[in-house]
Protein backbone atom coordinates (compact mmCIF):
# COMPACT_ATOMS: atom_id res chain seq x y z
CA ALA A 1 46.40 18.19 4.06
CA ALA A 2 46.90 14.93 3.58
CA ALA A 3 50.41 16.01 1.82
CA VAL A 4 50.85 18.12 4.93
CA LEU A 5 50.27 14.83 7.48
CA LEU A 6 51.92 12.61 5.45
CA ALA A 7 55.18 14.74 5.65
CA LEU A 8 54.78 15.28 9.47
CA LEU A 9 54.38 11.59 9.75
CA LEU A 10 57.75 10.73 7.30
CA LEU A 11 59.51 13.64 9.73
CA THR A 12 58.22 11.91 12.83
CA ALA A 13 59.52 8.56 11.64
CA GLY A 14 62.84 10.22 10.29
CA ILE A 15 63.68 11.35 13.87
CA SER A 16 62.87 8.23 15.69
CA PHE A 17 64.94 6.20 13.05
CA PHE A 18 68.21 8.55 13.25
CA TYR A 19 67.69 10.02 17.11
CA PRO A 20 68.03 8.01 20.07
CA ASP A 21 65.57 7.58 22.21
CA VAL A 22 65.83 9.08 25.62
CA SER A 23 61.94 8.86 26.69
CA LYS A 24 62.10 5.82 28.66
CA LEU A 25 65.10 7.69 31.05
CA LYS A 26 62.27 9.32 32.79
CA LYS A 27 61.33 6.14 34.25
CA GLU A 28 64.15 3.76 34.31
CA ASN A 29 68.00 4.19 35.37
CA PRO A 30 70.38 4.19 32.23
CA LYS A 31 72.19 0.43 32.27
CA LYS A 32 75.96 0.19 31.15
CA THR A 33 77.37 1.94 28.59
CA ALA A 34 79.46 0.53 25.87
CA PHE A 35 82.23 2.37 27.75
CA MET A 36 81.40 0.55 31.05
CA GLU A 37 81.13 -2.90 29.33
CA TYR A 38 84.92 -2.59 27.47
CA ARG A 39 86.52 -1.44 30.63
CA GLU A 40 84.70 -4.70 32.90
CA ASN A 41 86.01 -6.94 29.60
CA GLU A 42 89.40 -5.36 29.52
CA TRP A 43 89.87 -6.38 33.49
CA ARG A 44 88.58 -10.03 32.98
CA ARG A 45 91.08 -10.56 30.46
CA GLN A 46 93.56 -8.83 33.14
CA GLY A 47 92.40 -11.01 35.78
CA LYS A 48 91.25 -8.18 37.79
CA LYS A 49 88.45 -8.38 40.18
CA LYS A 50 87.13 -5.58 39.68
CA ARG A 51 83.46 -4.32 39.03
CA ILE A 52 81.69 -1.04 38.80
CA THR A 53 78.89 0.58 41.08
CA HIS A 54 76.18 2.20 40.55
CA LEU A 55 75.05 5.02 43.33
CA TRP A 56 71.97 6.85 41.87
CA VAL A 57 71.17 9.88 43.91
CA PRO A 58 68.11 12.73 43.32
CA PHE A 59 68.45 15.16 40.81
CA SER A 60 68.56 17.76 43.23
CA ALA A 61 71.95 16.29 44.75
CA ILE A 62 73.93 17.41 41.42
CA SER A 63 75.29 20.63 41.43
CA PRO A 64 73.66 22.89 38.86
CA TYR A 65 76.79 24.07 37.48
CA ALA A 66 77.52 20.24 37.26
CA VAL A 67 74.14 20.42 34.99
CA LYS A 68 74.81 23.36 33.02
CA ALA A 69 78.20 22.15 32.09
CA VAL A 70 76.66 19.18 30.70
CA ILE A 71 74.51 21.07 28.86
CA ILE A 72 76.74 23.50 27.82
CA ALA A 73 79.31 21.20 26.33
CA GLU A 74 76.49 18.61 24.43
CA ASP A 75 77.63 17.70 20.96
CA ASP A 76 74.54 17.45 18.84
CA LYS A 77 76.50 15.45 16.30
CA PHE A 78 78.05 13.37 18.92
CA TRP A 79 75.90 10.05 17.18
CA GLN A 80 77.40 11.05 13.50
CA HIS A 81 81.28 10.74 15.01
CA GLU A 82 83.59 8.62 17.06
CA GLY A 83 83.99 11.40 19.49
CA PHE A 84 85.76 14.38 17.78
CA ASP A 85 84.03 16.40 14.98
CA PHE A 86 87.43 17.47 13.34
CA GLU A 87 86.02 18.98 10.52
CA ALA A 88 83.86 21.57 13.03
CA MET A 89 87.47 22.28 15.40
CA GLN A 90 89.15 22.50 11.71
CA LYS A 91 86.36 25.12 10.91
CA ALA A 92 86.67 27.18 13.90
CA LYS A 93 90.06 27.49 14.15
CA ASP A 94 90.24 28.63 10.34
CA GLN A 95 87.71 31.39 11.08
CA GLY A 96 89.94 32.53 13.81
CA LEU A 97 87.61 30.99 17.01
CA PHE A 98 91.17 29.98 18.28
CA LYS A 99 94.55 29.85 17.39
CA HIS A 100 95.27 26.28 18.41
CA VAL A 101 93.61 22.68 19.29
CA VAL A 102 93.68 20.77 22.12
CA PHE A 103 92.57 18.78 24.31
CA SER A 104 92.10 17.69 28.19
CA CYS A 105 92.20 13.77 29.19
CA HIS A 106 91.55 11.68 31.85
CA ASP A 107 91.38 8.51 30.19
CA LYS A 108 94.04 5.71 30.49
CA PRO A 109 97.85 6.94 29.61
CA GLU A 110 97.53 4.60 26.47
CA ASN A 111 94.80 6.25 25.20
CA LEU A 112 95.82 9.67 25.63
CA ILE A 113 99.34 8.30 23.43
CA LYS A 114 96.60 7.25 20.61
CA LEU A 115 95.06 10.93 20.51
CA ILE A 116 98.58 12.21 20.46
CA ASP A 117 99.17 10.08 17.32
CA LEU A 118 96.02 11.71 15.95
CA GLY A 119 98.32 13.95 14.40
CA PHE A 120 95.61 16.75 15.14
CA PHE A 121 95.68 18.16 18.30
CA GLU A 122 98.65 20.73 19.13
CA GLY A 123 98.25 20.22 22.60
CA PHE A 124 96.67 19.17 25.78
CA LEU A 125 96.52 19.16 29.58
CA VAL A 126 96.65 16.12 32.03
CA GLN A 127 96.67 15.77 35.81
CA TYR A 128 100.33 15.30 36.78
CA ASN A 129 101.63 15.66 40.40
CA LEU A 130 103.49 13.43 43.01
CA LEU A 131 100.60 11.84 44.23
CA ASP A 132 99.13 10.79 40.51
CA ARG A 133 102.54 10.27 38.01
CA GLN A 134 100.41 7.81 35.60
CA TYR A 135 100.96 10.01 32.49
CA GLU A 136 104.64 10.64 33.04
CA ASP A 137 105.71 8.34 30.05
CA ALA A 138 103.04 10.21 27.66
CA ILE A 139 104.05 13.66 28.57
CA ALA A 140 107.58 12.27 27.48
CA TYR A 141 105.79 11.27 24.27
CA ALA A 142 104.06 14.03 23.52
CA HIS A 143 106.85 16.78 24.27
CA GLU A 144 108.84 14.59 21.25
CA LYS A 145 106.15 14.78 19.22
CA GLY A 146 106.47 18.88 19.18
CA LEU A 147 102.93 19.00 21.46
CA GLY A 148 102.63 21.77 24.20
CA VAL A 149 101.72 19.83 27.74
CA GLU A 150 99.86 21.86 30.45
CA ILE A 151 99.73 20.36 33.57
CA MET A 152 95.99 20.83 35.65
CA GLY A 153 96.34 19.96 39.50
CA PRO A 154 100.06 20.11 40.26
CA VAL A 155 99.69 19.83 43.39
CA GLY A 156 97.22 17.44 43.70
CA GLY A 157 93.77 19.57 44.09
CA GLY A 158 95.21 20.94 47.17
CA ARG A 159 95.60 17.65 48.76
CA LEU A 160 99.72 18.69 48.65
CA GLY A 161 98.97 22.09 50.15
CA SER A 162 98.86 20.17 53.56
CA ARG A 163 101.97 20.21 55.14
CA SER A 164 103.86 16.66 55.05
CA GLU A 165 107.16 16.51 57.71
CA ARG A 166 107.39 13.22 55.60
CA LEU A 167 107.33 14.62 51.88
CA GLU A 168 109.52 17.90 52.41
CA GLY A 169 112.29 15.31 54.12
CA ILE A 170 112.73 13.99 50.69
CA VAL A 171 114.83 16.91 49.40
CA ASP A 172 115.18 20.60 51.05
CA SER A 173 111.62 22.59 50.78
CA SER A 174 109.73 25.34 52.77
CA SER A 175 106.17 23.54 52.38
CA THR A 176 104.78 20.72 50.57
CA ALA A 177 103.45 22.74 48.15
CA GLU A 178 106.31 23.96 46.86
CA LEU A 179 107.84 21.14 46.70
CA ALA A 180 104.83 19.81 44.85
CA LEU A 181 105.28 22.10 42.24
CA ARG A 182 109.29 22.37 41.84
CA PHE A 183 108.64 18.63 41.27
CA VAL A 184 105.87 19.23 38.14
CA LEU A 185 108.35 22.59 36.80
CA ALA A 186 111.69 20.50 36.74
CA ASN A 187 110.07 17.96 34.27
CA PRO A 188 111.46 18.95 30.91
CA ASN A 189 108.48 17.56 29.30
CA VAL A 190 106.16 20.06 30.90
CA SER A 191 105.30 23.34 29.27
CA ILE A 192 103.43 24.92 31.58
CA ALA A 193 101.41 24.09 35.25
CA PHE A 194 98.15 25.70 36.27
CA SER A 195 97.78 25.80 40.47
CA GLY A 196 94.67 27.13 41.91
CA MET A 197 95.22 29.42 44.35
CA SER A 198 92.81 30.78 47.18
CA ASN A 199 94.44 33.90 48.58
CA MET A 200 97.17 36.14 47.92
CA GLN A 201 99.92 34.27 50.09
CA GLN A 202 99.43 31.71 47.61
CA VAL A 203 100.18 33.29 44.72
CA LEU A 204 103.33 35.29 46.35
CA GLU A 205 104.71 31.48 47.22
CA ASN A 206 103.38 30.24 44.01
CA CYS A 207 105.38 33.12 41.93
CA ALA A 208 108.04 32.86 44.38
CA THR A 209 108.79 29.10 43.66
CA ALA A 210 108.26 28.86 39.76
CA SER A 211 110.82 32.16 39.68
CA ARG A 212 113.86 29.91 41.47
CA ASP A 213 116.40 29.39 38.85
CA GLU A 214 117.47 26.52 40.48
CA ALA A 215 115.40 23.48 39.39
CA LEU A 216 115.43 20.24 41.36
CA SER A 217 118.56 18.40 40.40
CA ALA A 218 118.82 14.91 38.89
CA GLU A 219 120.00 13.25 42.24
CA GLU A 220 117.28 14.69 43.85
CA MET A 221 114.31 14.05 41.60
CA GLN A 222 116.08 10.49 41.70
CA ARG A 223 115.26 10.60 45.74
CA ILE A 224 111.86 11.32 45.26
CA GLY A 225 110.70 9.04 42.51
CA GLN A 226 112.09 6.14 44.56
CA ALA A 227 110.56 7.74 47.98
CA LEU A 228 106.82 7.78 45.70
CA GLU A 229 107.23 4.28 44.80
CA GLU A 230 108.05 3.02 48.20
CA ASN A 231 104.77 4.89 49.58
CA LYS A 232 102.18 3.81 46.56
CA LYS A 233 103.50 0.08 47.18
CA LEU A 234 103.01 0.45 51.07
CA ALA A 235 99.74 2.52 50.18
CA ASP A 236 98.90 -0.88 48.16
CA LEU A 237 99.24 -2.94 51.16
CA TYR A 238 96.45 -1.16 53.13
CA CYS A 239 93.76 -0.60 50.67
CA THR A 240 94.02 -0.55 46.54
CA GLY A 241 90.44 1.09 46.23
CA CYS A 242 88.46 -2.05 44.55
CA ASN A 243 85.53 -1.29 45.85
CA TYR A 244 84.18 -4.93 46.40
CA CYS A 245 83.39 -4.47 50.14
CA MET A 246 80.55 -1.83 49.03
CA PRO A 247 77.90 -1.83 49.24
CA CYS A 248 77.81 -1.72 52.89
CA PRO A 249 74.15 -1.91 54.62
CA ASN A 250 75.45 1.12 56.60
CA ASN A 251 76.40 3.33 53.96
CA VAL A 252 79.60 3.26 56.07
CA GLY A 253 82.03 4.89 53.02
CA ILE A 254 84.84 2.10 53.63
CA PRO A 255 86.68 3.11 50.57
CA GLN A 256 86.39 6.79 51.15
CA ILE A 257 87.95 6.80 54.48
CA PHE A 258 90.51 3.65 53.73
CA ALA A 259 91.81 6.77 50.54
CA ALA A 260 92.00 9.25 53.53
CA MET A 261 93.63 6.92 55.73
CA ASN A 262 96.23 6.50 53.69
CA MET A 263 97.15 10.03 53.04
CA HIS A 264 97.39 10.15 56.78
CA ARG A 265 99.23 7.07 57.23
CA VAL A 266 101.32 6.91 54.13
CA TRP A 267 102.10 10.52 52.82
CA GLY A 268 101.74 12.38 56.22
CA LEU A 269 99.04 14.22 54.80
CA THR A 270 96.66 14.35 58.28
CA ASP A 271 95.24 17.58 57.54
CA HIS A 272 93.71 16.78 54.25
CA ALA A 273 93.04 13.53 54.86
CA ARG A 274 90.89 15.10 58.18
CA HIS A 275 89.21 17.33 56.21
CA ILE A 276 88.33 14.37 53.66
CA TYR A 277 86.99 12.34 56.45
CA ARG A 278 84.44 15.11 57.56
CA ARG A 279 82.67 15.25 54.32
CA LEU A 280 81.33 11.90 55.32
CA GLY A 281 78.18 11.82 57.66
CA PRO A 282 74.55 12.79 57.37
CA GLU A 283 75.22 15.53 55.19
CA ASN A 284 77.54 13.78 52.25
CA ARG A 285 75.73 13.94 48.57
CA ARG A 286 75.87 10.24 48.47
CA GLY A 287 74.93 9.62 51.36
CA LEU A 288 78.41 7.86 52.60
CA MET A 289 78.67 8.01 56.37
CA GLY A 290 81.80 8.11 58.43
CA ALA A 291 83.37 4.79 60.50
CA ASP A 292 81.68 5.53 63.46
CA ALA A 293 78.36 4.10 61.35
CA CYS A 294 79.71 0.56 61.52
CA VAL A 295 77.44 -1.86 63.65
CA GLU A 296 80.32 -4.69 63.07
CA CYS A 297 77.77 -7.06 60.88
CA GLY A 298 80.83 -8.43 58.87
CA GLN A 299 79.35 -8.63 55.61
CA CYS A 300 82.60 -6.34 54.34
CA GLU A 301 85.18 -8.38 55.34
CA PRO A 302 84.86 -11.66 53.05
CA LYS A 303 84.55 -9.41 49.76
CA CYS A 304 88.22 -7.94 50.70
CA PRO A 305 90.47 -9.73 48.33
CA GLN A 306 93.35 -7.83 50.17
CA LYS A 307 91.63 -9.57 53.61
CA ILE A 308 92.07 -6.38 55.38
CA PRO A 309 90.10 -6.55 58.69
CA ILE A 310 87.92 -3.99 57.85
CA ILE A 311 86.21 -3.55 60.95
CA GLU A 312 89.61 -2.68 63.58
CA GLN A 313 90.53 -0.46 60.39
CA LEU A 314 87.49 1.43 60.56
CA LYS A 315 87.82 2.14 64.09
CA GLU A 316 91.37 3.08 63.77
CA SER A 317 90.39 5.28 61.03
CA HIS A 318 87.70 7.37 63.19
CA GLU A 319 90.20 7.94 66.10
CA ALA A 320 93.10 9.12 63.94
CA LEU A 321 90.58 11.28 61.69
CA GLY A 322 87.72 11.47 63.60
CA GLY A 323 89.03 14.48 65.87
CA GLN A 324 89.80 18.16 65.42
């Protein structure tokens, strides 16, 4: 009996020593992770006035699908390796469970290039569209290295599904969605694009677009690139999304409102901008309110590095986006 007790004590001590203690998370919110601290240190070195803020929500407010995804994706050896269990992946491939080792990335482009340079992966999935071109150089680099490049969100997660005469006017297109898909497919470094579709009409339109013999010309791609750069600079003049104005004592979602306003004012995606704005209010999962909840306390304006007249622009945003 003494031997059994001793063995149990040693086992308990071993578990306590090798495995992280998460029991205190029942009563305490987690602090900043090493990755968060790395980002903040990086911003300080670059002279950027950015900070990470937490907005805690009850567990009931988190989608059950997101909870299940975290559990399913849990790696029980995460504390033993530096991000990838190459041995386990190679073993699964050798057993014929899959043919190719690929990854999905939402990290910074320079970190994507580091993953490519590991020489282990054969392809990857990354977001790329008219509104988000940050991975363009990394995509070209991957193609040069012989990796397959799969694109998610070619229509901007539905944002470019809304009509925009401003974007459609850059080149001859029947719709903004068509232009968005043609833009991605015209990139010679892209292997395939995955576009979400919710009805048969969208399926037919996407098939017709992808089946076109003529790609966007070099001149058309140049016009698109110039227009996108001009629009991006214009968007940064309004709001860069630094979040310095938050938190608002009345929970007004200032960055979210101005992001929607940029969609309307800069990109001409008014329908999508109004859809985003309608998500703010009492039913919002994060408790963020629309611009009409502003009481003009003025706490936000001195914090804005852009010196944006936030109160006045909130009124303009509600007038532009609050209607039907």
